[in-house]
Amino acid sequence: MKIFSIFILLIYWSIIISAPLLSDDIKLSRIKVNQAINKFY
C-alpha cells in the first residue's frame, strides 16, 4: 500500500512539473502554426 501511494505521488508531481512545460510547448507550436498560416495568405 505504501509503494502504491508513493507511485501515485510520483505521477502527481510529474504531472504538476510537466504541465507548465507542456503548455509552453503548445503556445510555441501555436505561434509557429499561426506564422505558417500567415505566410500562405
N, C-alpha and C. Protein backbone atom coordinates (compact mmCIF):
# COMPACT_ATOMS: atom_id res chain seq x y z
N MET A 1 0.84 -1.21 0.00
CA MET A 1 0.00 0.00 0.00
C MET A 1 0.87 1.25 0.00
N LYS A 2 1.95 1.22 0.78
CA LYS A 2 2.86 2.37 0.83
C LYS A 2 3.48 2.64 -0.55
N ILE A 3 3.94 1.57 -1.20
CA ILE A 3 4.57 1.70 -2.52
C ILE A 3 3.58 2.30 -3.50
N PHE A 4 2.33 1.86 -3.41
CA PHE A 4 1.26 2.34 -4.29
C PHE A 4 1.06 3.85 -4.12
N SER A 5 1.00 4.31 -2.87
CA SER A 5 0.79 5.74 -2.61
C SER A 5 1.98 6.58 -3.08
N ILE A 6 3.19 6.04 -2.92
CA ILE A 6 4.40 6.73 -3.40
C ILE A 6 4.34 6.85 -4.92
N PHE A 7 3.90 5.78 -5.58
CA PHE A 7 3.76 5.76 -7.04
C PHE A 7 2.80 6.84 -7.50
N ILE A 8 1.67 6.96 -6.83
CA ILE A 8 0.67 7.98 -7.15
C ILE A 8 1.25 9.38 -6.96
N LEU A 9 1.98 9.56 -5.87
CA LEU A 9 2.61 10.86 -5.61
C LEU A 9 3.60 11.22 -6.72
N LEU A 10 4.38 10.24 -7.16
CA LEU A 10 5.35 10.48 -8.24
C LEU A 10 4.63 10.91 -9.52
N ILE A 11 3.57 10.21 -9.86
CA ILE A 11 2.79 10.57 -11.06
C ILE A 11 2.22 11.98 -10.92
N TYR A 12 1.66 12.25 -9.72
CA TYR A 12 1.06 13.55 -9.42
C TYR A 12 2.07 14.68 -9.61
N TRP A 13 3.27 14.49 -9.03
CA TRP A 13 4.31 15.52 -9.12
C TRP A 13 4.80 15.69 -10.55
N SER A 14 4.95 14.58 -11.27
CA SER A 14 5.43 14.67 -12.65
C SER A 14 4.43 15.44 -13.52
N ILE A 15 3.14 15.24 -13.25
CA ILE A 15 2.10 15.99 -13.99
C ILE A 15 2.19 17.47 -13.65
N ILE A 16 2.34 17.79 -12.37
CA ILE A 16 2.43 19.20 -11.94
C ILE A 16 3.65 19.87 -12.56
N ILE A 17 4.78 19.15 -12.59
CA ILE A 17 6.02 19.72 -13.11
C ILE A 17 5.96 19.85 -14.63
N SER A 18 5.40 18.83 -15.31
CA SER A 18 5.42 18.81 -16.77
C SER A 18 4.30 19.65 -17.39
N ALA A 19 3.22 19.89 -16.66
CA ALA A 19 2.08 20.64 -17.21
C ALA A 19 2.48 22.04 -17.70
N PRO A 20 3.19 22.85 -16.91
CA PRO A 20 3.61 24.18 -17.39
C PRO A 20 4.53 24.08 -18.61
N LEU A 21 5.42 23.09 -18.62
CA LEU A 21 6.33 22.91 -19.75
C LEU A 21 5.55 22.55 -21.00
N LEU A 22 4.58 21.67 -20.85
CA LEU A 22 3.75 21.25 -21.98
C LEU A 22 2.94 22.42 -22.51
N SER A 23 2.39 23.24 -21.61
CA SER A 23 1.59 24.38 -22.04
C SER A 23 2.45 25.39 -22.79
N ASP A 24 3.71 25.55 -22.37
CA ASP A 24 4.64 26.43 -23.09
C ASP A 24 4.89 25.89 -24.49
N ASP A 25 5.07 24.57 -24.61
CA ASP A 25 5.29 23.95 -25.92
C ASP A 25 4.08 24.16 -26.82
N ILE A 26 2.90 24.04 -26.25
CA ILE A 26 1.67 24.23 -27.02
C ILE A 26 1.59 25.67 -27.53
N LYS A 27 1.94 26.63 -26.67
CA LYS A 27 1.93 28.04 -27.07
C LYS A 27 2.91 28.27 -28.22
N LEU A 28 4.11 27.70 -28.10
CA LEU A 28 5.14 27.86 -29.13
C LEU A 28 4.67 27.25 -30.45
N SER A 29 4.09 26.05 -30.39
CA SER A 29 3.63 25.40 -31.61
C SER A 29 2.48 26.18 -32.24
N ARG A 30 1.63 26.78 -31.42
CA ARG A 30 0.52 27.60 -31.93
C ARG A 30 1.08 28.81 -32.66
N ILE A 31 2.11 29.44 -32.10
CA ILE A 31 2.74 30.61 -32.73
C ILE A 31 3.33 30.20 -34.08
N LYS A 32 4.01 29.05 -34.11
CA LYS A 32 4.61 28.56 -35.35
C LYS A 32 3.54 28.29 -36.40
N VAL A 33 2.45 27.67 -35.98
CA VAL A 33 1.33 27.36 -36.90
C VAL A 33 0.74 28.66 -37.44
N ASN A 34 0.55 29.64 -36.57
CA ASN A 34 -0.01 30.93 -36.99
C ASN A 34 0.91 31.61 -38.00
N GLN A 35 2.23 31.55 -37.76
CA GLN A 35 3.19 32.14 -38.68
C GLN A 35 3.13 31.44 -40.04
N ALA A 36 3.02 30.11 -40.01
CA ALA A 36 2.94 29.34 -41.26
C ALA A 36 1.67 29.70 -42.04
N ILE A 37 0.56 29.84 -41.33
CA ILE A 37 -0.73 30.20 -41.97
C ILE A 37 -0.61 31.60 -42.57
N ASN A 38 0.02 32.52 -41.84
CA ASN A 38 0.17 33.89 -42.33
C ASN A 38 1.00 33.95 -43.59
N LYS A 39 1.99 33.06 -43.71
CA LYS A 39 2.83 33.02 -44.92
C LYS A 39 2.02 32.62 -46.13
N PHE A 40 1.07 31.70 -45.93
CA PHE A 40 0.26 31.22 -47.06
C PHE A 40 -0.70 32.31 -47.55
N TYR A 41 -1.21 33.12 -46.63
CA TYR A 41 -2.18 34.15 -47.03
C TYR A 41 -1.52 35.48 -47.37
